[in-house]
N, C-alpha and C. Protein backbone atom coordinates (compact mmCIF):
# COMPACT_ATOMS: atom_id res chain seq x y z
N ALA A 1 5.52 -20.04 -18.82
CA ALA A 1 5.42 -19.41 -19.88
C ALA A 1 6.45 -18.46 -20.47
N VAL A 2 7.45 -17.74 -19.79
CA VAL A 2 7.94 -17.01 -20.10
C VAL A 2 9.39 -17.93 -20.58
N MET A 3 9.67 -19.27 -19.99
CA MET A 3 10.67 -20.11 -20.43
C MET A 3 10.58 -21.30 -20.43
N PRO A 4 9.80 -21.91 -21.46
CA PRO A 4 9.20 -23.42 -21.89
C PRO A 4 10.29 -24.23 -21.67
N ASP A 5 11.69 -23.69 -21.89
CA ASP A 5 12.66 -25.01 -21.85
C ASP A 5 13.51 -24.63 -20.39
N TRP A 6 12.88 -24.20 -19.43
CA TRP A 6 13.40 -24.18 -18.05
C TRP A 6 14.02 -25.30 -17.54
N ALA A 7 13.29 -26.45 -17.48
CA ALA A 7 13.68 -27.92 -17.03
C ALA A 7 14.74 -28.42 -17.48
N GLU A 8 15.26 -27.88 -18.63
CA GLU A 8 16.62 -28.29 -19.52
C GLU A 8 17.63 -27.36 -18.81
N ALA A 9 17.23 -26.14 -18.86
CA ALA A 9 18.28 -24.86 -18.43
C ALA A 9 18.63 -25.21 -16.90
N ALA A 10 17.52 -25.75 -15.78
CA ALA A 10 17.80 -25.90 -14.64
C ALA A 10 18.93 -27.14 -14.24
N GLU A 11 18.83 -28.08 -15.04
CA GLU A 11 19.50 -29.38 -14.84
C GLU A 11 20.77 -29.13 -14.05
N GLU A 12 21.66 -28.38 -14.50
CA GLU A 12 22.97 -28.22 -14.33
C GLU A 12 23.22 -27.73 -13.19
N PRO A 13 22.43 -26.21 -12.76
CA PRO A 13 22.38 -25.75 -11.61
C PRO A 13 21.84 -26.57 -10.59
N GLU A 14 21.02 -27.39 -10.87
CA GLU A 14 20.53 -28.23 -9.72
C GLU A 14 21.50 -29.20 -9.46
N ARG A 15 22.31 -29.90 -10.08
CA ARG A 15 23.44 -30.80 -10.02
C ARG A 15 24.57 -30.15 -9.27
N ARG A 16 24.64 -28.84 -9.55
CA ARG A 16 25.57 -27.95 -8.72
C ARG A 16 25.19 -27.61 -7.28
N GLN A 17 23.78 -27.76 -7.08
CA GLN A 17 23.56 -27.75 -5.67
C GLN A 17 23.00 -26.22 -5.63
N LEU A 18 23.06 -25.42 -6.62
CA LEU A 18 22.55 -24.03 -6.90
C LEU A 18 20.99 -23.70 -6.45
N LEU A 19 20.29 -24.65 -7.05
CA LEU A 19 19.00 -24.61 -7.26
C LEU A 19 18.18 -25.76 -6.46
N GLU A 20 16.87 -25.56 -6.33
CA GLU A 20 16.50 -26.73 -5.53
C GLU A 20 15.16 -26.81 -6.30
N VAL A 21 14.49 -27.97 -6.70
CA VAL A 21 13.62 -28.16 -7.67
C VAL A 21 12.09 -28.95 -7.18
N GLY A 22 11.34 -28.80 -7.03
CA GLY A 22 10.26 -29.11 -6.50
C GLY A 22 9.19 -29.71 -7.31
N PRO A 23 8.03 -30.08 -6.93
CA PRO A 23 6.75 -30.52 -8.33
C PRO A 23 6.42 -29.13 -8.21
N ARG A 24 6.09 -28.08 -7.24
CA ARG A 24 5.47 -26.88 -7.48
C ARG A 24 6.33 -25.49 -7.48
N HIS A 25 7.77 -25.88 -7.41
CA HIS A 25 8.41 -24.57 -7.33
C HIS A 25 10.00 -24.75 -7.77
N VAL A 26 10.87 -23.84 -7.93
CA VAL A 26 12.15 -23.70 -8.20
C VAL A 26 12.42 -22.57 -7.76
N HIS A 27 13.82 -22.75 -6.51
CA HIS A 27 14.46 -21.74 -6.35
C HIS A 27 15.62 -21.84 -6.05
N PHE A 28 16.38 -20.70 -5.56
CA PHE A 28 17.93 -20.75 -5.26
C PHE A 28 17.77 -21.38 -3.62
N ARG A 29 19.04 -22.45 -3.62
CA ARG A 29 19.06 -22.71 -2.19
C ARG A 29 19.89 -21.93 -1.35
N HIS A 30 20.24 -20.76 -1.72
CA HIS A 30 20.94 -19.59 -1.03
C HIS A 30 20.79 -18.38 -1.69
N GLU A 31 20.05 -17.35 -0.63
CA GLU A 31 20.08 -15.82 -1.30
C GLU A 31 21.10 -15.42 -1.73
N LEU A 32 22.41 -15.67 -1.04
CA LEU A 32 23.74 -14.71 -1.85
C LEU A 32 23.56 -15.15 -3.38
N ALA A 33 23.58 -16.86 -3.47
CA ALA A 33 23.62 -16.84 -4.79
C ALA A 33 22.65 -16.34 -5.76
N ARG A 34 21.53 -16.66 -5.29
CA ARG A 34 20.60 -15.72 -6.20
C ARG A 34 20.66 -14.15 -6.25
N HIS A 35 21.36 -13.48 -5.03
CA HIS A 35 21.72 -11.85 -5.51
C HIS A 35 22.71 -11.96 -6.08
N ALA A 36 23.73 -12.68 -6.14
CA ALA A 36 24.97 -12.52 -6.87
C ALA A 36 24.70 -12.69 -8.69
N LEU A 37 23.61 -13.55 -8.77
CA LEU A 37 23.39 -13.75 -10.27
C LEU A 37 22.47 -12.45 -10.59
N ALA A 38 21.60 -12.39 -9.59
CA ALA A 38 20.76 -11.19 -10.13
C ALA A 38 21.60 -9.81 -10.60
N THR A 39 22.30 -9.50 -9.74
CA THR A 39 23.05 -8.54 -9.97
C THR A 39 24.19 -8.33 -11.12
N SER A 40 24.32 -9.62 -11.39
CA SER A 40 25.36 -9.71 -12.41
C SER A 40 24.71 -9.67 -14.04
N ILE A 41 23.46 -9.12 -13.92
CA ILE A 41 22.59 -8.86 -15.13
C ILE A 41 22.26 -7.84 -15.62
N PRO A 42 22.59 -7.26 -16.59
CA PRO A 42 22.74 -5.71 -16.80
C PRO A 42 21.39 -5.24 -16.64
N VAL A 43 21.23 -4.01 -16.26
CA VAL A 43 19.77 -3.07 -16.33
C VAL A 43 19.31 -3.40 -17.21
N ALA A 44 19.67 -2.93 -18.31
CA ALA A 44 18.74 -3.24 -19.45
C ALA A 44 17.99 -4.67 -19.66
N ALA A 45 18.72 -5.73 -19.44
CA ALA A 45 18.42 -7.06 -19.55
C ALA A 45 17.43 -7.18 -18.44
N ARG A 46 17.88 -6.69 -17.26
CA ARG A 46 16.90 -7.03 -16.21
C ARG A 46 15.23 -6.41 -16.51
N ARG A 47 15.54 -5.26 -17.03
CA ARG A 47 14.46 -4.64 -17.26
C ARG A 47 13.52 -5.53 -18.15
N ARG A 48 14.05 -6.01 -19.48
CA ARG A 48 13.31 -6.74 -20.27
C ARG A 48 12.79 -7.89 -19.89
N LEU A 49 13.61 -8.67 -18.93
CA LEU A 49 13.03 -10.02 -18.10
C LEU A 49 11.80 -9.49 -17.19
N HIS A 50 12.05 -8.62 -16.56
CA HIS A 50 10.76 -7.98 -15.82
C HIS A 50 9.58 -7.77 -16.74
N GLN A 51 9.68 -7.33 -17.55
CA GLN A 51 8.68 -6.98 -18.97
C GLN A 51 8.02 -8.30 -19.24
N GLU A 52 8.91 -9.25 -19.80
CA GLU A 52 8.30 -10.60 -20.01
C GLU A 52 7.47 -11.38 -18.91
N ILE A 53 8.24 -11.21 -17.85
CA ILE A 53 7.20 -11.60 -16.62
C ILE A 53 6.07 -11.28 -16.48
N LEU A 54 6.21 -9.93 -16.46
CA LEU A 54 5.22 -9.00 -16.22
C LEU A 54 3.80 -9.05 -17.17
N ASP A 55 4.07 -9.54 -18.26
CA ASP A 55 3.25 -9.58 -19.76
C ASP A 55 2.14 -10.73 -19.33
N VAL A 56 2.70 -11.84 -18.81
CA VAL A 56 2.32 -13.17 -18.54
C VAL A 56 1.69 -12.91 -17.14
N LEU A 57 1.91 -12.35 -16.36
CA LEU A 57 1.05 -11.94 -14.83
C LEU A 57 -0.25 -11.31 -15.19
N LEU A 58 -0.10 -10.37 -16.22
CA LEU A 58 -1.20 -9.56 -16.57
C LEU A 58 -2.20 -10.42 -17.50
N ALA A 59 -1.76 -11.14 -18.23
CA ALA A 59 -2.57 -12.11 -19.09
C ALA A 59 -3.33 -13.14 -18.29
N THR A 60 -2.70 -13.69 -17.11
CA THR A 60 -3.07 -14.39 -16.29
C THR A 60 -3.90 -14.26 -14.99
N ASP A 61 -4.10 -12.87 -14.89
CA ASP A 61 -4.96 -12.26 -13.79
C ASP A 61 -4.23 -12.59 -12.49
N ALA A 62 -2.90 -12.57 -12.18
CA ALA A 62 -2.19 -12.85 -11.42
C ALA A 62 -2.37 -12.23 -9.95
N ASP A 63 -1.78 -12.54 -8.94
CA ASP A 63 -1.50 -11.65 -7.63
C ASP A 63 -1.22 -10.15 -7.68
N PRO A 64 -2.10 -9.35 -7.68
CA PRO A 64 -1.68 -7.91 -7.87
C PRO A 64 -0.17 -7.68 -7.28
N ALA A 65 0.15 -8.23 -6.04
CA ALA A 65 1.43 -7.58 -5.42
C ALA A 65 2.70 -8.24 -6.27
N ASP A 66 2.36 -9.36 -6.93
CA ASP A 66 3.57 -9.66 -8.14
C ASP A 66 3.37 -8.78 -9.19
N ILE A 67 2.37 -8.25 -9.48
CA ILE A 67 2.08 -7.52 -10.90
C ILE A 67 3.27 -6.37 -10.51
N VAL A 68 2.87 -5.96 -9.32
CA VAL A 68 3.19 -4.52 -9.02
C VAL A 68 4.66 -4.54 -8.69
N HIS A 69 5.24 -5.55 -8.19
CA HIS A 69 6.69 -5.97 -7.99
C HIS A 69 7.46 -5.89 -9.54
N HIS A 70 7.09 -6.62 -10.34
CA HIS A 70 7.59 -6.67 -11.63
C HIS A 70 7.12 -5.49 -12.79
N ALA A 71 5.94 -4.82 -11.96
CA ALA A 71 6.01 -3.65 -12.85
C ALA A 71 6.78 -2.14 -12.70
N GLU A 72 7.39 -2.56 -11.22
CA GLU A 72 8.20 -1.68 -10.87
C GLU A 72 9.66 -1.99 -11.42
N ALA A 73 10.26 -2.76 -11.23
CA ALA A 73 11.38 -3.21 -11.66
C ALA A 73 11.41 -3.19 -13.33
N ALA A 74 10.21 -3.26 -14.29
CA ALA A 74 10.30 -2.97 -15.62
C ALA A 74 10.10 -1.54 -16.04
N GLY A 75 9.85 -0.82 -14.90
CA GLY A 75 9.55 0.58 -15.24
C GLY A 75 8.32 0.84 -15.62
N ALA A 76 6.99 -0.10 -15.57
CA ALA A 76 5.90 0.25 -16.21
C ALA A 76 4.92 0.97 -15.03
N GLU A 77 5.21 2.17 -15.14
CA GLU A 77 4.48 3.12 -14.15
C GLU A 77 2.95 3.40 -14.35
N ASP A 78 2.24 2.78 -15.25
CA ASP A 78 1.03 2.89 -15.43
C ASP A 78 0.37 1.65 -14.98
N VAL A 79 1.10 0.59 -15.07
CA VAL A 79 0.77 -0.61 -14.63
C VAL A 79 0.74 -0.56 -12.91
N VAL A 80 2.01 0.00 -12.54
CA VAL A 80 2.00 0.27 -11.15
C VAL A 80 0.72 0.94 -10.64
N ALA A 81 0.44 2.04 -11.04
CA ALA A 81 -0.44 2.96 -10.82
C ALA A 81 -1.71 2.49 -10.48
N THR A 82 -2.16 1.63 -11.74
CA THR A 82 -3.39 0.74 -11.63
C THR A 82 -3.41 -0.18 -10.75
N TYR A 83 -2.39 -1.27 -10.33
CA TYR A 83 -2.74 -2.26 -9.38
C TYR A 83 -1.81 -2.12 -7.88
N ALA A 84 -1.24 -0.99 -7.74
CA ALA A 84 -0.82 -0.78 -6.32
C ALA A 84 -2.00 -0.46 -5.39
N LEU A 85 -3.30 0.19 -5.69
CA LEU A 85 -4.21 0.39 -4.92
C LEU A 85 -4.90 -0.95 -4.77
N VAL A 86 -4.89 -1.69 -5.78
CA VAL A 86 -5.67 -3.37 -5.59
C VAL A 86 -4.89 -4.30 -4.67
N ALA A 87 -3.33 -3.94 -4.91
CA ALA A 87 -2.58 -4.88 -3.91
C ALA A 87 -2.91 -4.16 -2.69
N ALA A 88 -2.99 -2.88 -2.09
CA ALA A 88 -2.92 -2.47 -0.72
C ALA A 88 -4.40 -3.12 -0.29
N ARG A 89 -5.42 -3.21 -1.09
CA ARG A 89 -6.78 -3.32 -0.29
C ARG A 89 -6.95 -4.80 -0.16
N ARG A 90 -6.10 -5.53 -0.77
CA ARG A 90 -6.38 -6.94 -0.88
C ARG A 90 -5.42 -7.56 0.45
N ALA A 91 -4.16 -6.54 0.58
CA ALA A 91 -3.40 -6.84 1.76
C ALA A 91 -4.32 -6.68 3.02
N ALA A 92 -4.53 -5.15 2.90
CA ALA A 92 -5.42 -4.70 4.17
C ALA A 92 -6.55 -5.66 4.78
N ALA A 93 -7.19 -6.54 3.46
CA ALA A 93 -8.45 -7.13 3.85
C ALA A 93 -7.81 -8.55 4.80
N VAL A 94 -6.76 -8.93 4.59
CA VAL A 94 -6.56 -10.22 5.00
C VAL A 94 -5.50 -9.71 6.42
N GLY A 95 -5.41 -8.59 6.86
CA GLY A 95 -4.65 -8.05 7.74
C GLY A 95 -3.36 -8.11 7.72
N SER A 96 -2.62 -8.17 6.47
CA SER A 96 -1.38 -8.01 5.96
C SER A 96 -0.92 -6.42 6.23
N ASN A 97 -0.61 -5.92 7.36
CA ASN A 97 -0.69 -4.45 7.58
C ASN A 97 0.49 -3.72 6.99
N ARG A 98 1.71 -4.48 6.95
CA ARG A 98 3.16 -3.92 6.47
C ARG A 98 2.68 -4.11 5.03
N ALA A 99 2.31 -5.07 4.42
CA ALA A 99 2.03 -4.95 3.01
C ALA A 99 1.06 -4.03 2.60
N ALA A 100 0.19 -3.90 2.99
CA ALA A 100 -1.02 -3.19 2.66
C ALA A 100 -0.30 -1.51 2.86
N TYR A 101 0.62 -1.31 4.10
CA TYR A 101 1.43 0.20 4.09
C TYR A 101 1.92 0.17 2.79
N ALA A 102 3.13 -0.36 2.55
CA ALA A 102 3.76 -0.63 1.36
C ALA A 102 3.30 -0.45 0.15
N HIS A 103 2.10 -0.84 -0.42
CA HIS A 103 1.39 -0.64 -1.48
C HIS A 103 0.68 0.82 -1.33
N TYR A 104 -0.01 1.24 -0.45
CA TYR A 104 -0.45 2.32 -0.08
C TYR A 104 0.18 3.34 -0.45
N HIS A 105 1.76 2.98 0.18
CA HIS A 105 2.62 3.95 -0.16
C HIS A 105 3.21 4.52 -1.52
N ARG A 106 3.11 2.86 -2.21
CA ARG A 106 3.17 3.23 -3.77
C ARG A 106 2.11 3.72 -4.34
N ALA A 107 1.01 3.74 -4.23
CA ALA A 107 -0.22 4.44 -4.89
C ALA A 107 -0.40 5.60 -4.62
N ILE A 108 -0.05 6.27 -3.47
CA ILE A 108 -0.08 7.62 -3.37
C ILE A 108 0.73 8.47 -4.30
N ASP A 109 1.98 7.86 -4.82
CA ASP A 109 2.60 8.38 -5.77
C ASP A 109 1.51 8.83 -6.67
N PHE A 110 0.67 8.36 -7.10
CA PHE A 110 -0.21 8.48 -8.28
C PHE A 110 -1.46 8.81 -8.00
N VAL A 111 -1.60 9.64 -6.77
CA VAL A 111 -2.84 10.12 -6.28
C VAL A 111 -3.56 11.29 -6.80
N ASP A 112 -2.59 11.88 -8.04
CA ASP A 112 -3.56 12.91 -8.57
C ASP A 112 -3.96 12.38 -9.99
N ARG A 113 -3.97 11.17 -10.23
CA ARG A 113 -4.60 10.52 -11.42
C ARG A 113 -5.86 10.33 -11.10
N VAL A 114 -6.34 10.41 -9.81
CA VAL A 114 -7.76 9.90 -9.31
C VAL A 114 -8.49 11.38 -8.80
N SER A 115 -9.88 11.37 -8.61
CA SER A 115 -10.63 12.40 -8.63
C SER A 115 -10.38 12.67 -7.22
N PRO A 116 -10.81 14.18 -6.66
CA PRO A 116 -10.34 14.50 -5.15
C PRO A 116 -11.00 13.76 -3.97
N ARG A 117 -12.17 13.45 -4.45
CA ARG A 117 -12.85 12.33 -3.81
C ARG A 117 -12.12 11.02 -3.28
N GLU A 118 -11.88 10.15 -4.41
CA GLU A 118 -11.08 8.92 -4.33
C GLU A 118 -9.73 9.26 -3.60
N GLN A 119 -9.22 10.54 -3.84
CA GLN A 119 -7.74 10.91 -3.01
C GLN A 119 -8.24 11.31 -1.44
N ALA A 120 -9.12 11.55 -1.23
CA ALA A 120 -9.32 11.60 -0.01
C ALA A 120 -9.71 10.34 0.74
N GLU A 121 -10.37 9.61 0.25
CA GLU A 121 -10.54 7.96 0.40
C GLU A 121 -9.50 6.99 0.77
N LEU A 122 -8.40 7.31 -0.30
CA LEU A 122 -7.04 6.95 -0.12
C LEU A 122 -6.35 7.23 0.66
N LEU A 123 -6.44 8.59 0.85
CA LEU A 123 -5.57 8.80 2.18
C LEU A 123 -5.92 8.54 3.45
N GLU A 124 -7.28 7.98 3.60
CA GLU A 124 -7.93 7.60 5.05
C GLU A 124 -7.26 6.17 5.17
N GLU A 125 -7.33 5.15 3.64
CA GLU A 125 -7.00 3.87 3.87
C GLU A 125 -5.19 3.85 4.32
N LEU A 126 -4.61 4.85 3.75
CA LEU A 126 -3.34 4.84 3.94
C LEU A 126 -3.21 5.20 5.68
N THR A 127 -3.89 6.38 6.02
CA THR A 127 -4.07 6.32 7.42
C THR A 127 -3.80 5.31 8.35
N GLU A 128 -5.03 4.49 8.22
CA GLU A 128 -5.36 3.13 8.84
C GLU A 128 -4.24 2.13 8.87
N ALA A 129 -3.50 2.05 7.40
CA ALA A 129 -2.61 1.25 7.04
C ALA A 129 -1.39 1.57 7.94
N ALA A 130 -1.07 2.76 7.66
CA ALA A 130 0.22 3.46 8.52
C ALA A 130 0.16 3.44 9.90
N TYR A 131 -1.14 3.59 10.48
CA TYR A 131 -1.29 3.36 12.31
C TYR A 131 -1.01 1.86 12.55
N TYR A 132 -1.56 1.07 11.78
CA TYR A 132 -1.51 -0.42 12.17
C TYR A 132 -0.12 -0.93 11.93
N SER A 133 0.77 0.03 11.40
CA SER A 133 2.06 -0.74 11.03
C SER A 133 2.79 0.36 12.18
N GLY A 134 2.32 1.01 12.94
CA GLY A 134 3.06 2.07 13.75
C GLY A 134 3.85 3.19 13.56
N ARG A 135 3.08 3.72 12.00
CA ARG A 135 3.99 4.76 11.31
C ARG A 135 3.03 6.05 12.04
N ILE A 136 2.85 6.63 13.06
CA ILE A 136 1.98 7.50 13.31
C ILE A 136 2.23 9.02 12.73
N ALA A 137 3.69 9.18 12.48
CA ALA A 137 3.88 10.44 11.75
C ALA A 137 3.13 10.41 10.27
N ASP A 138 3.31 9.19 9.68
CA ASP A 138 2.64 9.20 8.46
C ASP A 138 1.18 8.78 8.38
N ALA A 139 0.49 8.62 9.30
CA ALA A 139 -0.90 8.44 9.59
C ALA A 139 -1.38 9.78 9.72
N LEU A 140 -0.47 10.39 10.65
CA LEU A 140 -1.03 11.88 10.90
C LEU A 140 -0.78 12.69 9.93
N ALA A 141 0.03 12.80 8.56
CA ALA A 141 0.27 13.50 7.68
C ALA A 141 -1.02 13.01 6.86
N ALA A 142 -0.97 11.70 6.70
CA ALA A 142 -2.34 11.47 5.37
C ALA A 142 -3.48 11.91 6.04
N THR A 143 -3.75 11.90 7.41
CA THR A 143 -4.89 12.30 7.81
C THR A 143 -5.04 13.89 7.51
N GLU A 144 -4.10 14.64 7.75
CA GLU A 144 -4.30 16.18 7.87
C GLU A 144 -4.70 16.50 6.13
N ARG A 145 -4.03 15.70 4.91
CA ARG A 145 -4.34 15.89 3.81
C ARG A 145 -5.71 15.31 3.72
N ALA A 146 -5.96 14.67 4.14
CA ALA A 146 -7.65 14.08 3.76
C ALA A 146 -8.48 14.84 4.44
N ILE A 147 -8.24 15.61 5.37
CA ILE A 147 -8.93 16.51 5.83
C ILE A 147 -9.14 18.04 5.10
N GLU A 148 -8.03 18.29 4.42
CA GLU A 148 -8.10 19.53 3.45
C GLU A 148 -9.17 19.01 2.19
N LEU A 149 -8.76 17.97 1.74
CA LEU A 149 -9.76 17.42 0.52
C LEU A 149 -10.93 17.46 1.17
N TRP A 150 -11.15 16.85 2.17
CA TRP A 150 -13.24 16.90 2.47
C TRP A 150 -13.67 18.01 2.83
N ARG A 151 -12.54 19.18 3.48
CA ARG A 151 -12.88 20.43 3.24
C ARG A 151 -13.52 21.21 2.29
N GLU A 152 -12.66 20.71 1.10
CA GLU A 152 -12.92 21.69 -0.04
C GLU A 152 -14.04 20.73 -0.72
N LEU A 153 -14.07 19.66 -0.37
CA LEU A 153 -15.29 18.64 -1.02
C LEU A 153 -16.73 19.05 -0.36
N GLY A 154 -16.62 19.62 0.99
CA GLY A 154 -17.79 20.04 1.60
C GLY A 154 -18.67 18.98 2.34
N SER A 155 -17.88 17.82 2.53
CA SER A 155 -18.55 16.87 3.15
C SER A 155 -18.27 16.88 4.81
N ARG A 156 -18.95 17.27 5.64
CA ARG A 156 -19.01 17.50 6.89
C ARG A 156 -18.91 15.95 7.60
N GLU A 157 -19.71 15.24 7.07
CA GLU A 157 -19.55 13.88 7.86
C GLU A 157 -17.81 13.45 7.56
N ALA A 158 -17.41 13.44 6.50
CA ALA A 158 -16.29 13.02 6.26
C ALA A 158 -15.06 14.06 7.24
N LEU A 159 -15.32 14.94 7.17
CA LEU A 159 -14.61 16.02 7.63
C LEU A 159 -14.48 15.89 9.03
N GLY A 160 -15.71 15.86 9.83
CA GLY A 160 -15.78 15.08 11.27
C GLY A 160 -15.06 13.89 11.61
N ARG A 161 -15.37 12.81 10.73
CA ARG A 161 -14.77 11.69 11.18
C ARG A 161 -13.20 11.81 10.92
N CYS A 162 -12.48 12.49 10.17
CA CYS A 162 -10.89 12.56 9.95
C CYS A 162 -10.81 13.63 11.09
N THR A 163 -11.47 14.41 11.81
CA THR A 163 -11.05 15.16 12.50
C THR A 163 -10.93 14.50 13.87
N ARG A 164 -11.94 13.43 13.95
CA ARG A 164 -11.70 12.69 14.96
C ARG A 164 -10.87 12.02 15.36
N ILE A 165 -10.64 11.43 14.26
CA ILE A 165 -9.15 10.31 13.78
C ILE A 165 -7.98 11.10 13.93
N LEU A 166 -7.69 12.22 13.69
CA LEU A 166 -6.71 13.03 14.01
C LEU A 166 -6.40 13.46 15.26
N SER A 167 -7.57 13.50 16.11
CA SER A 167 -7.41 13.53 17.38
C SER A 167 -6.77 12.14 18.15
N ARG A 168 -7.29 11.56 17.92
CA ARG A 168 -6.99 10.14 18.29
C ARG A 168 -5.12 9.66 17.88
N LEU A 169 -5.04 10.29 16.71
CA LEU A 169 -3.49 9.86 16.57
C LEU A 169 -2.75 11.22 17.21
N LEU A 170 -3.41 12.03 17.35
CA LEU A 170 -2.25 13.13 18.11
C LEU A 170 -2.50 12.56 19.85
N TRP A 171 -3.45 11.96 19.87
CA TRP A 171 -3.26 11.23 21.70
C TRP A 171 -2.38 10.25 21.60
N PHE A 172 -2.47 9.25 20.72
CA PHE A 172 -1.34 8.37 20.27
C PHE A 172 -0.12 9.02 20.67
N SER A 173 0.17 9.99 19.99
CA SER A 173 1.51 10.91 19.65
C SER A 173 1.87 11.49 21.06
N GLY A 174 1.21 11.21 22.37
CA GLY A 174 1.46 11.97 23.39
C GLY A 174 1.01 13.17 23.42
N GLU A 175 0.56 14.10 22.62
CA GLU A 175 0.15 15.43 22.59
C GLU A 175 -1.42 15.62 22.97
N GLY A 176 -1.82 15.54 24.34
CA GLY A 176 -2.53 15.80 24.79
C GLY A 176 -3.67 17.02 24.47
N ALA A 177 -3.02 18.12 24.74
CA ALA A 177 -3.88 19.39 24.40
C ALA A 177 -4.44 19.30 23.13
N PRO A 178 -3.43 19.32 21.95
CA PRO A 178 -3.97 19.31 20.68
C PRO A 178 -5.14 18.20 20.40
N ALA A 179 -4.81 17.00 21.14
CA ALA A 179 -5.88 15.84 20.71
C ALA A 179 -7.34 16.40 21.30
N ARG A 180 -7.41 16.82 22.61
CA ARG A 180 -8.65 17.61 23.04
C ARG A 180 -9.16 18.45 22.20
N GLU A 181 -8.51 19.43 21.47
CA GLU A 181 -8.67 20.55 20.71
C GLU A 181 -9.38 19.93 19.58
N LYS A 182 -8.69 19.12 18.96
CA LYS A 182 -9.26 18.12 17.59
C LYS A 182 -10.66 17.63 18.26
N ALA A 183 -10.73 16.93 18.88
CA ALA A 183 -11.67 16.04 19.58
C ALA A 183 -13.37 17.15 19.69
N ALA A 184 -12.87 18.19 20.36
CA ALA A 184 -14.04 19.19 20.62
C ALA A 184 -14.51 19.86 18.97
N GLU A 185 -13.55 19.99 18.21
CA GLU A 185 -13.67 20.20 16.72
C GLU A 185 -14.56 19.45 16.08
N ALA A 186 -14.05 18.06 16.39
CA ALA A 186 -14.91 16.95 15.70
C ALA A 186 -16.26 16.86 16.17
N VAL A 187 -16.65 17.07 17.61
CA VAL A 187 -18.07 17.32 18.05
C VAL A 187 -18.64 18.34 17.65
N GLU A 188 -17.95 19.53 17.46
CA GLU A 188 -18.70 20.69 16.70
C GLU A 188 -19.25 20.50 15.34
N ILE A 189 -18.30 19.68 14.56
CA ILE A 189 -18.47 19.10 13.15
C ILE A 189 -19.90 18.32 13.12
N LEU A 190 -19.95 17.19 14.28
CA LEU A 190 -20.48 15.91 13.91
C LEU A 190 -22.30 16.22 14.47
N GLU A 191 -22.11 16.96 15.51
CA GLU A 191 -23.39 17.26 16.37
C GLU A 191 -24.56 17.63 15.48
N PRO A 192 -24.56 18.50 14.46
CA PRO A 192 -25.50 18.92 13.81
C PRO A 192 -26.03 18.05 13.06
N LEU A 193 -25.25 16.86 13.12
CA LEU A 193 -25.29 15.81 11.71
C LEU A 193 -26.33 14.60 12.24
N GLY A 194 -26.57 14.87 13.64
CA GLY A 194 -27.33 13.88 14.53
C GLY A 194 -26.40 12.81 15.36
N ASP A 195 -27.03 11.70 16.16
CA ASP A 195 -26.37 10.69 16.77
C ASP A 195 -25.74 9.82 15.80
N SER A 196 -24.53 9.61 16.09
CA SER A 196 -23.49 8.59 14.93
C SER A 196 -22.36 7.88 16.03
N ALA A 197 -22.03 6.99 15.50
CA ALA A 197 -20.83 6.49 16.19
C ALA A 197 -19.58 7.45 16.57
N GLU A 198 -19.32 8.01 15.03
CA GLU A 198 -18.47 8.73 15.05
C GLU A 198 -18.50 10.00 15.77
N LEU A 199 -19.70 10.56 16.48
CA LEU A 199 -19.91 11.36 17.27
C LEU A 199 -19.78 10.72 18.45
N ALA A 200 -20.29 9.85 18.84
CA ALA A 200 -19.66 9.18 20.64
C ALA A 200 -18.11 9.06 20.64
N CYS A 201 -17.46 8.64 19.48
CA CYS A 201 -15.90 8.57 19.50
C CYS A 201 -15.46 9.71 19.91
N ALA A 202 -16.05 11.04 18.76
CA ALA A 202 -15.51 12.27 19.40
C ALA A 202 -15.56 12.75 20.81
N TYR A 203 -16.81 12.35 21.25
CA TYR A 203 -17.03 12.83 22.78
C TYR A 203 -16.31 12.25 23.68
N SER A 204 -15.56 10.90 23.13
CA SER A 204 -14.50 10.22 24.21
C SER A 204 -13.29 10.85 24.12
N GLY A 205 -12.99 11.76 23.39
CA GLY A 205 -11.69 12.46 23.22
C GLY A 205 -11.93 13.98 23.96
N VAL A 206 -13.27 14.04 24.27
CA VAL A 206 -12.86 15.82 24.52
C VAL A 206 -12.51 15.55 26.41
């Protein structure tokens, strides 16, 4: 769609064994060749090309991850803000934890654009992706920010849940005493709300 005459343009590079052309793909044979050519294109031209590709991806409802990639390269921040969270949730749903973390990390740059409740939910999702990606420090930071928001919003259930998660993350970080303190705090918050799975998990940390 971006380059209708691509086949004619690809003939000479394919003949010189720079490109590999198949029934469903065209790609460089070697990453070094691709990188050399990409870096030779002026920045302004690269942004224009990424924008052209982005326009087609948006028009065809393409993969959110591809949209985010080209939107970043085109400098289209509003598009990144819209699709980063979509890409993150799609990656998380299929267990692609590193990709999910990367997209959540992008989405968090635009967290001020959504309501405090949505911010807290996003931070909880980032916590999970960071944990599964082995980034405990990032998970701790996200959980602490979520706790602050849930406290301001007055949601005792969410506050207890995040406090319990914070306890578990501290435990995995090797901080036993603070982990038990947060578990006890989670129990104190959750007990008045009645029996729940979160309360049971909090008990296990005391």
